[in-house]
Amino acid sequence: MAGCPLPAAIAAVPLSLFLACSHSTVVRPAPSHDVFDFGPPLPAAAAVFVDAEGLRREVHLGRAEAGGYGWCQDSRYPVDAGEALELSVIGTLERVMDDVRRTATPFDREAMEASGLDAVIVVRADTFDAGVGGDPFRDFRGSAELTLAVSAFTSDGLLLREIVYGSGIQDAGGVTCRGGAEAVGLAVEMAIEHAMTELGEVIASSRELRRSLAAREFR
């Protein structure tokens, strides 16, 4: 376990409890279920592309973040929230639109019309930051912030371009350095859920998008 020094004060404690190494972070999908703000679903079938490459970070717990203690100093918490974001976007938009089809590549207008779809929605991770503080003898506190660039178009062209924001702060206990991973994961989930509420609202409340989708039946 090179690179994971054990503080002298806890040398007699089993190594498995206090190793300041890398602890994987679990981020679960967090779609928004705040349907009361979304209103009736848009009558449309939409292709949805999510670019979540920017949601990878290695969160580091240094001495300052550990309150000056060395219990978990230099612990690292890798975060990959890409799949969680993608599933959260799909789960949220399924409550906003009649038919949502996940796509691995962004559609252009020609591909959209050839597939019999009414709209294309693209969500790209714009900024992402996460942090953690604390130690095993008090709660760890995780924090996260993210912004997503959202765009939508129909056969009438680009009708929506917005930035949505999410943030989260979560505490997690535990008697090992792994508690930091839980705190970070929970904070990222909260940030995603907040962003998903904004995403649902901007899509559902777009007058231009609703007008274009309602008018397609008369073309």
C-alpha atoms as a PDB file:
ATOM      1  CA  MET A   1       0.000   0.000   0.000  1.00  0.00           C
ATOM      2  CA  ALA A   2       2.696   2.465  -0.972  1.00  0.00           C
ATOM      3  CA  GLY A   3       1.738   6.112  -0.773  1.00  0.00           C
ATOM      4  CA  CYS A   4      -0.801   5.547   2.029  1.00  0.00           C
ATOM      5  CA  PRO A   5       1.052   6.427   5.251  1.00  0.00           C
ATOM      6  CA  LEU A   6      -0.584   5.442   8.516  1.00  0.00           C
ATOM      7  CA  PRO A   7      -0.621   8.098  11.285  1.00  0.00           C
ATOM      8  CA  ALA A   8       1.549   7.038  14.230  1.00  0.00           C
ATOM      9  CA  ALA A   9      -1.270   7.727  16.724  1.00  0.00           C
ATOM     10  CA  ILE A  10      -3.320   4.883  15.295  1.00  0.00           C
ATOM     11  CA  ALA A  11      -0.512   2.473  14.459  1.00  0.00           C
ATOM     12  CA  ALA A  12      -2.073  -0.165  16.690  1.00  0.00           C
ATOM     13  CA  VAL A  13      -5.444  -0.013  14.926  1.00  0.00           C
ATOM     14  CA  PRO A  14      -6.083  -2.523  12.097  1.00  0.00           C
ATOM     15  CA  LEU A  15      -4.869  -1.160   8.766  1.00  0.00           C
ATOM     16  CA  SER A  16      -8.247  -1.694   7.088  1.00  0.00           C
ATOM     17  CA  LEU A  17      -9.815   1.048   9.203  1.00  0.00           C
ATOM     18  CA  PHE A  18      -7.577   4.031   8.445  1.00  0.00           C
ATOM     19  CA  LEU A  19      -5.887   3.843   5.091  1.00  0.00           C
ATOM     20  CA  ALA A  20      -5.650   7.173   3.324  1.00  0.00           C
ATOM     21  CA  CYS A  21      -5.860   5.693  -0.141  1.00  0.00           C
ATOM     22  CA  SER A  22      -8.342   5.802  -3.017  1.00  0.00           C
ATOM     23  CA  HIS A  23     -11.954   5.028  -2.179  1.00  0.00           C
ATOM     24  CA  SER A  24     -14.431   4.677  -5.040  1.00  0.00           C
ATOM     25  CA  THR A  25     -17.487   6.930  -4.997  1.00  0.00           C
ATOM     26  CA  VAL A  26     -20.950   5.675  -5.917  1.00  0.00           C
ATOM     27  CA  VAL A  27     -23.307   8.165  -7.590  1.00  0.00           C
ATOM     28  CA  ARG A  28     -26.856   6.938  -8.154  1.00  0.00           C
ATOM     29  CA  PRO A  29     -29.295   8.388 -10.701  1.00  0.00           C
ATOM     30  CA  ALA A  30     -31.333  11.279  -9.298  1.00  0.00           C
ATOM     31  CA  PRO A  31     -34.119  12.282 -11.701  1.00  0.00           C
ATOM     32  CA  SER A  32     -36.483  14.991 -10.530  1.00  0.00           C
ATOM     33  CA  HIS A  33     -39.999  13.888  -9.627  1.00  0.00           C
ATOM     34  CA  ASP A  34     -41.283  17.394  -9.001  1.00  0.00           C
ATOM     35  CA  VAL A  35     -44.071  16.890 -11.542  1.00  0.00           C
ATOM     36  CA  PHE A  36     -46.229  19.669 -10.160  1.00  0.00           C
ATOM     37  CA  ASP A  37     -43.869  22.232 -11.662  1.00  0.00           C
ATOM     38  CA  PHE A  38     -43.624  20.548 -15.042  1.00  0.00           C
ATOM     39  CA  GLY A  39     -47.260  20.683 -16.144  1.00  0.00           C
ATOM     40  CA  PRO A  40     -48.737  18.420 -18.847  1.00  0.00           C
ATOM     41  CA  PRO A  41     -46.234  16.428 -20.956  1.00  0.00           C
ATOM     42  CA  LEU A  42     -45.257  17.839 -24.320  1.00  0.00           C
ATOM     43  CA  PRO A  43     -46.994  15.865 -27.101  1.00  0.00           C
ATOM     44  CA  ALA A  44     -43.848  14.766 -28.862  1.00  0.00           C
ATOM     45  CA  ALA A  45     -41.271  12.066 -29.465  1.00  0.00           C
ATOM     46  CA  ALA A  46     -37.767  13.366 -28.808  1.00  0.00           C
ATOM     47  CA  ALA A  47     -34.249  12.044 -29.237  1.00  0.00           C
ATOM     48  CA  VAL A  48     -32.146  12.875 -26.182  1.00  0.00           C
ATOM     49  CA  PHE A  49     -28.361  13.045 -26.246  1.00  0.00           C
ATOM     50  CA  VAL A  50     -26.388  13.530 -23.016  1.00  0.00           C
ATOM     51  CA  ASP A  51     -22.706  14.486 -23.081  1.00  0.00           C
ATOM     52  CA  ALA A  52     -21.487  13.765 -19.547  1.00  0.00           C
ATOM     53  CA  GLU A  53     -17.743  13.550 -20.183  1.00  0.00           C
ATOM     54  CA  GLY A  54     -17.165  16.510 -17.873  1.00  0.00           C
ATOM     55  CA  LEU A  55     -18.488  14.720 -14.791  1.00  0.00           C
ATOM     56  CA  ARG A  56     -15.246  12.986 -13.844  1.00  0.00           C
ATOM     57  CA  ARG A  57     -13.136  14.211 -10.953  1.00  0.00           C
ATOM     58  CA  GLU A  58     -10.745  12.908  -8.317  1.00  0.00           C
ATOM     59  CA  VAL A  59     -11.706  14.617  -5.081  1.00  0.00           C
ATOM     60  CA  HIS A  60      -8.747  14.985  -2.724  1.00  0.00           C
ATOM     61  CA  LEU A  61      -8.862  15.265   1.075  1.00  0.00           C
ATOM     62  CA  GLY A  62      -5.831  17.261   2.158  1.00  0.00           C
ATOM     63  CA  ARG A  63      -4.746  18.278   5.652  1.00  0.00           C
ATOM     64  CA  ALA A  64      -6.695  21.550   5.479  1.00  0.00           C
ATOM     65  CA  GLU A  65      -9.902  19.757   4.466  1.00  0.00           C
ATOM     66  CA  ALA A  66      -9.329  17.230   7.268  1.00  0.00           C
ATOM     67  CA  GLY A  67      -9.342  20.037   9.842  1.00  0.00           C
ATOM     68  CA  GLY A  68      -5.605  19.760  10.390  1.00  0.00           C
ATOM     69  CA  TYR A  69      -5.742  16.094  11.358  1.00  0.00           C
ATOM     70  CA  GLY A  70      -3.893  13.361   9.543  1.00  0.00           C
ATOM     71  CA  TRP A  71      -6.420  10.536   9.861  1.00  0.00           C
ATOM     72  CA  CYS A  72      -7.468  10.581   6.219  1.00  0.00           C
ATOM     73  CA  GLN A  73      -4.995  13.069   4.806  1.00  0.00           C
ATOM     74  CA  ASP A  74      -4.273  12.366   1.135  1.00  0.00           C
ATOM     75  CA  SER A  75      -7.358  10.176   0.691  1.00  0.00           C
ATOM     76  CA  ARG A  76      -8.689  10.324  -2.844  1.00  0.00           C
ATOM     77  CA  TYR A  77     -12.290   9.861  -3.951  1.00  0.00           C
ATOM     78  CA  PRO A  78     -12.671   9.290  -7.718  1.00  0.00           C
ATOM     79  CA  VAL A  79     -16.030  10.443  -9.058  1.00  0.00           C
ATOM     80  CA  ASP A  80     -17.593   9.412 -12.368  1.00  0.00           C
ATOM     81  CA  ALA A  81     -21.162  10.687 -12.449  1.00  0.00           C
ATOM     82  CA  GLY A  82     -21.658  10.360 -16.206  1.00  0.00           C
ATOM     83  CA  GLU A  83     -24.030   7.398 -16.221  1.00  0.00           C
ATOM     84  CA  ALA A  84     -25.955   8.763 -13.235  1.00  0.00           C
ATOM     85  CA  LEU A  85     -26.475  12.058 -15.059  1.00  0.00           C
ATOM     86  CA  GLU A  86     -27.587  10.380 -18.281  1.00  0.00           C
ATOM     87  CA  LEU A  87     -30.138   8.178 -16.511  1.00  0.00           C
ATOM     88  CA  SER A  88     -31.319  11.176 -14.495  1.00  0.00           C
ATOM     89  CA  VAL A  89     -31.883  13.237 -17.652  1.00  0.00           C
ATOM     90  CA  ILE A  90     -33.837  10.430 -19.307  1.00  0.00           C
ATOM     91  CA  GLY A  91     -35.901   9.790 -16.168  1.00  0.00           C
ATOM     92  CA  THR A  92     -36.750  13.484 -15.838  1.00  0.00           C
ATOM     93  CA  LEU A  93     -37.644  14.038 -19.479  1.00  0.00           C
ATOM     94  CA  GLU A  94     -39.882  10.966 -19.470  1.00  0.00           C
ATOM     95  CA  ARG A  95     -42.101  12.955 -17.112  1.00  0.00           C
ATOM     96  CA  VAL A  96     -42.021  15.993 -19.402  1.00  0.00           C
ATOM     97  CA  MET A  97     -42.500  14.488 -22.883  1.00  0.00           C
ATOM     98  CA  ASP A  98     -44.721  11.752 -24.273  1.00  0.00           C
ATOM     99  CA  ASP A  99     -41.885   9.755 -25.818  1.00  0.00           C
ATOM    100  CA  VAL A 100     -38.160   9.966 -25.016  1.00  0.00           C
ATOM    101  CA  ARG A 101     -35.552   8.024 -26.971  1.00  0.00           C
ATOM    102  CA  ARG A 102     -31.992   7.871 -25.705  1.00  0.00           C
ATOM    103  CA  THR A 103     -29.343   8.255 -28.392  1.00  0.00           C
ATOM    104  CA  ALA A 104     -25.588   7.751 -28.246  1.00  0.00           C
ATOM    105  CA  THR A 105     -24.938  10.467 -30.854  1.00  0.00           C
ATOM    106  CA  PRO A 106     -26.577  13.870 -31.364  1.00  0.00           C
ATOM    107  CA  PHE A 107     -29.133  13.964 -34.195  1.00  0.00           C
ATOM    108  CA  ASP A 108     -29.253  16.725 -36.765  1.00  0.00           C
ATOM    109  CA  ARG A 109     -32.527  17.881 -38.312  1.00  0.00           C
ATOM    110  CA  GLU A 110     -32.275  15.440 -41.226  1.00  0.00           C
ATOM    111  CA  ALA A 111     -31.689  12.439 -38.935  1.00  0.00           C
ATOM    112  CA  MET A 112     -34.500  13.586 -36.648  1.00  0.00           C
ATOM    113  CA  GLU A 113     -37.045  13.756 -39.462  1.00  0.00           C
ATOM    114  CA  ALA A 114     -35.840  10.487 -40.993  1.00  0.00           C
ATOM    115  CA  SER A 115     -36.429   8.764 -37.645  1.00  0.00           C
ATOM    116  CA  GLY A 116     -39.955  10.125 -37.383  1.00  0.00           C
ATOM    117  CA  LEU A 117     -39.086  12.217 -34.333  1.00  0.00           C
ATOM    118  CA  ASP A 118     -40.457  15.617 -33.422  1.00  0.00           C
ATOM    119  CA  ALA A 119     -37.567  17.117 -31.440  1.00  0.00           C
ATOM    120  CA  VAL A 120     -33.973  16.693 -30.339  1.00  0.00           C
ATOM    121  CA  ILE A 121     -32.769  17.621 -26.860  1.00  0.00           C
ATOM    122  CA  VAL A 122     -29.067  17.862 -26.063  1.00  0.00           C
ATOM    123  CA  VAL A 123     -27.707  18.114 -22.509  1.00  0.00           C
ATOM    124  CA  ARG A 124     -23.991  18.724 -22.044  1.00  0.00           C
ATOM    125  CA  ALA A 125     -22.036  18.872 -18.791  1.00  0.00           C
ATOM    126  CA  ASP A 126     -20.564  22.380 -18.730  1.00  0.00           C
ATOM    127  CA  THR A 127     -18.891  22.744 -15.317  1.00  0.00           C
ATOM    128  CA  PHE A 128     -18.458  20.357 -12.398  1.00  0.00           C
ATOM    129  CA  ASP A 129     -16.742  20.639  -9.045  1.00  0.00           C
ATOM    130  CA  ALA A 130     -16.807  18.521  -5.894  1.00  0.00           C
ATOM    131  CA  GLY A 131     -15.072  18.575  -2.526  1.00  0.00           C
ATOM    132  CA  VAL A 132     -14.971  16.852   0.840  1.00  0.00           C
ATOM    133  CA  GLY A 133     -13.887  17.680   4.378  1.00  0.00           C
ATOM    134  CA  GLY A 134     -13.823  15.987   7.783  1.00  0.00           C
ATOM    135  CA  ASP A 135     -12.416  12.820   9.345  1.00  0.00           C
ATOM    136  CA  PRO A 136     -13.674   9.470  10.711  1.00  0.00           C
ATOM    137  CA  PHE A 137     -14.285  10.902  14.199  1.00  0.00           C
ATOM    138  CA  ARG A 138     -16.772  13.500  13.009  1.00  0.00           C
ATOM    139  CA  ASP A 139     -19.028  13.681   9.982  1.00  0.00           C
ATOM    140  CA  PHE A 140     -17.522  13.980   6.545  1.00  0.00           C
ATOM    141  CA  ARG A 141     -19.110  16.757   4.497  1.00  0.00           C
ATOM    142  CA  GLY A 142     -19.297  16.466   0.721  1.00  0.00           C
ATOM    143  CA  SER A 143     -20.136  19.314  -1.645  1.00  0.00           C
ATOM    144  CA  ALA A 144     -20.823  19.490  -5.361  1.00  0.00           C
ATOM    145  CA  GLU A 145     -21.807  22.026  -8.009  1.00  0.00           C
ATOM    146  CA  LEU A 146     -22.536  21.561 -11.696  1.00  0.00           C
ATOM    147  CA  THR A 147     -23.951  23.407 -14.668  1.00  0.00           C
ATOM    148  CA  LEU A 148     -25.502  21.826 -17.753  1.00  0.00           C
ATOM    149  CA  ALA A 149     -25.958  23.388 -21.169  1.00  0.00           C
ATOM    150  CA  VAL A 150     -29.377  22.477 -22.570  1.00  0.00           C
ATOM    151  CA  SER A 151     -30.580  22.949 -26.140  1.00  0.00           C
ATOM    152  CA  ALA A 152     -33.631  21.755 -28.052  1.00  0.00           C
ATOM    153  CA  PHE A 153     -34.729  22.005 -31.663  1.00  0.00           C
ATOM    154  CA  THR A 154     -37.579  20.882 -33.888  1.00  0.00           C
ATOM    155  CA  SER A 155     -38.200  21.197 -37.610  1.00  0.00           C
ATOM    156  CA  ASP A 156     -38.616  24.937 -36.903  1.00  0.00           C
ATOM    157  CA  GLY A 157     -34.983  25.178 -35.818  1.00  0.00           C
ATOM    158  CA  LEU A 158     -33.227  25.833 -32.498  1.00  0.00           C
ATOM    159  CA  LEU A 159     -35.913  26.889 -30.031  1.00  0.00           C
ATOM    160  CA  LEU A 160     -34.233  26.534 -26.656  1.00  0.00           C
ATOM    161  CA  ARG A 161     -30.791  27.216 -25.265  1.00  0.00           C
ATOM    162  CA  GLU A 162     -30.395  27.413 -21.492  1.00  0.00           C
ATOM    163  CA  ILE A 163     -27.959  26.747 -18.646  1.00  0.00           C
ATOM    164  CA  VAL A 164     -29.260  24.839 -15.621  1.00  0.00           C
ATOM    165  CA  TYR A 165     -27.500  24.669 -12.263  1.00  0.00           C
ATOM    166  CA  GLY A 166     -27.406  22.233  -9.359  1.00  0.00           C
ATOM    167  CA  SER A 167     -25.621  22.125  -6.026  1.00  0.00           C
ATOM    168  CA  GLY A 168     -25.546  19.835  -3.019  1.00  0.00           C
ATOM    169  CA  ILE A 169     -24.047  19.545   0.461  1.00  0.00           C
ATOM    170  CA  GLN A 170     -24.339  16.247   2.331  1.00  0.00           C
ATOM    171  CA  ASP A 171     -22.902  14.781   5.518  1.00  0.00           C
ATOM    172  CA  ALA A 172     -21.958  11.152   6.081  1.00  0.00           C
ATOM    173  CA  GLY A 173     -20.600   9.416   9.164  1.00  0.00           C
ATOM    174  CA  GLY A 174     -18.505   6.307   9.547  1.00  0.00           C
ATOM    175  CA  VAL A 175     -15.371   5.172  11.310  1.00  0.00           C
ATOM    176  CA  THR A 176     -13.138   4.911   8.258  1.00  0.00           C
ATOM    177  CA  CYS A 177     -11.909   7.155   5.485  1.00  0.00           C
ATOM    178  CA  ARG A 178     -14.482   5.559   3.173  1.00  0.00           C
ATOM    179  CA  GLY A 179     -17.098   7.813   4.751  1.00  0.00           C
ATOM    180  CA  GLY A 180     -15.745  10.614   2.583  1.00  0.00           C
ATOM    181  CA  ALA A 181     -16.719   8.703  -0.545  1.00  0.00           C
ATOM    182  CA  GLU A 182     -20.307   8.417   0.684  1.00  0.00           C
ATOM    183  CA  ALA A 183     -20.465  12.128   1.484  1.00  0.00           C
ATOM    184  CA  VAL A 184     -19.188  13.076  -1.977  1.00  0.00           C
ATOM    185  CA  GLY A 185     -21.540  10.662  -3.750  1.00  0.00           C
ATOM    186  CA  LEU A 186     -24.592  11.976  -1.867  1.00  0.00           C
ATOM    187  CA  ALA A 187     -23.641  15.584  -2.598  1.00  0.00           C
ATOM    188  CA  VAL A 188     -23.263  14.896  -6.320  1.00  0.00           C
ATOM    189  CA  GLU A 189     -26.644  13.118  -6.357  1.00  0.00           C
ATOM    190  CA  MET A 190     -28.272  16.142  -4.724  1.00  0.00           C
ATOM    191  CA  ALA A 191     -26.638  18.499  -7.232  1.00  0.00           C
ATOM    192  CA  ILE A 192     -27.898  16.365 -10.122  1.00  0.00           C
ATOM    193  CA  GLU A 193     -31.434  16.253  -8.712  1.00  0.00           C
ATOM    194  CA  HIS A 194     -31.522  20.040  -8.323  1.00  0.00           C
ATOM    195  CA  ALA A 195     -30.303  20.464 -11.902  1.00  0.00           C
ATOM    196  CA  MET A 196     -32.937  17.990 -13.111  1.00  0.00           C
ATOM    197  CA  THR A 197     -35.730  20.062 -11.564  1.00  0.00           C
ATOM    198  CA  GLU A 198     -34.457  23.086 -13.499  1.00  0.00           C
ATOM    199  CA  LEU A 199     -34.124  20.963 -16.644  1.00  0.00           C
ATOM    200  CA  GLY A 200     -37.743  19.781 -16.417  1.00  0.00           C
ATOM    201  CA  GLU A 201     -38.941  23.314 -15.843  1.00  0.00           C
ATOM    202  CA  VAL A 202     -37.103  24.915 -18.773  1.00  0.00           C
ATOM    203  CA  ILE A 203     -38.275  22.213 -21.201  1.00  0.00           C
ATOM    204  CA  ALA A 204     -41.878  22.126 -19.996  1.00  0.00           C
ATOM    205  CA  SER A 205     -42.237  25.903 -19.798  1.00  0.00           C
ATOM    206  CA  SER A 206     -40.758  26.730 -23.215  1.00  0.00           C
ATOM    207  CA  ARG A 207     -43.575  28.408 -25.152  1.00  0.00           C
ATOM    208  CA  GLU A 208     -41.648  28.189 -28.408  1.00  0.00           C
ATOM    209  CA  LEU A 209     -41.121  24.455 -28.005  1.00  0.00           C
ATOM    210  CA  ARG A 210     -44.759  23.808 -27.105  1.00  0.00           C
ATOM    211  CA  ARG A 211     -45.998  25.957 -29.965  1.00  0.00           C
ATOM    212  CA  SER A 212     -43.783  24.208 -32.506  1.00  0.00           C
ATOM    213  CA  LEU A 213     -44.738  20.717 -31.303  1.00  0.00           C
ATOM    214  CA  ALA A 214     -48.453  21.530 -31.197  1.00  0.00           C
ATOM    215  CA  ALA A 215     -48.354  22.939 -34.735  1.00  0.00           C
ATOM    216  CA  ARG A 216     -46.671  19.894 -36.287  1.00  0.00           C
ATOM    217  CA  GLU A 217     -50.028  18.088 -36.663  1.00  0.00           C
ATOM    218  CA  PHE A 218     -51.224  20.759 -39.080  1.00  0.00           C
ATOM    219  CA  ARG A 219     -48.261  20.656 -41.422  1.00  0.00           C
END
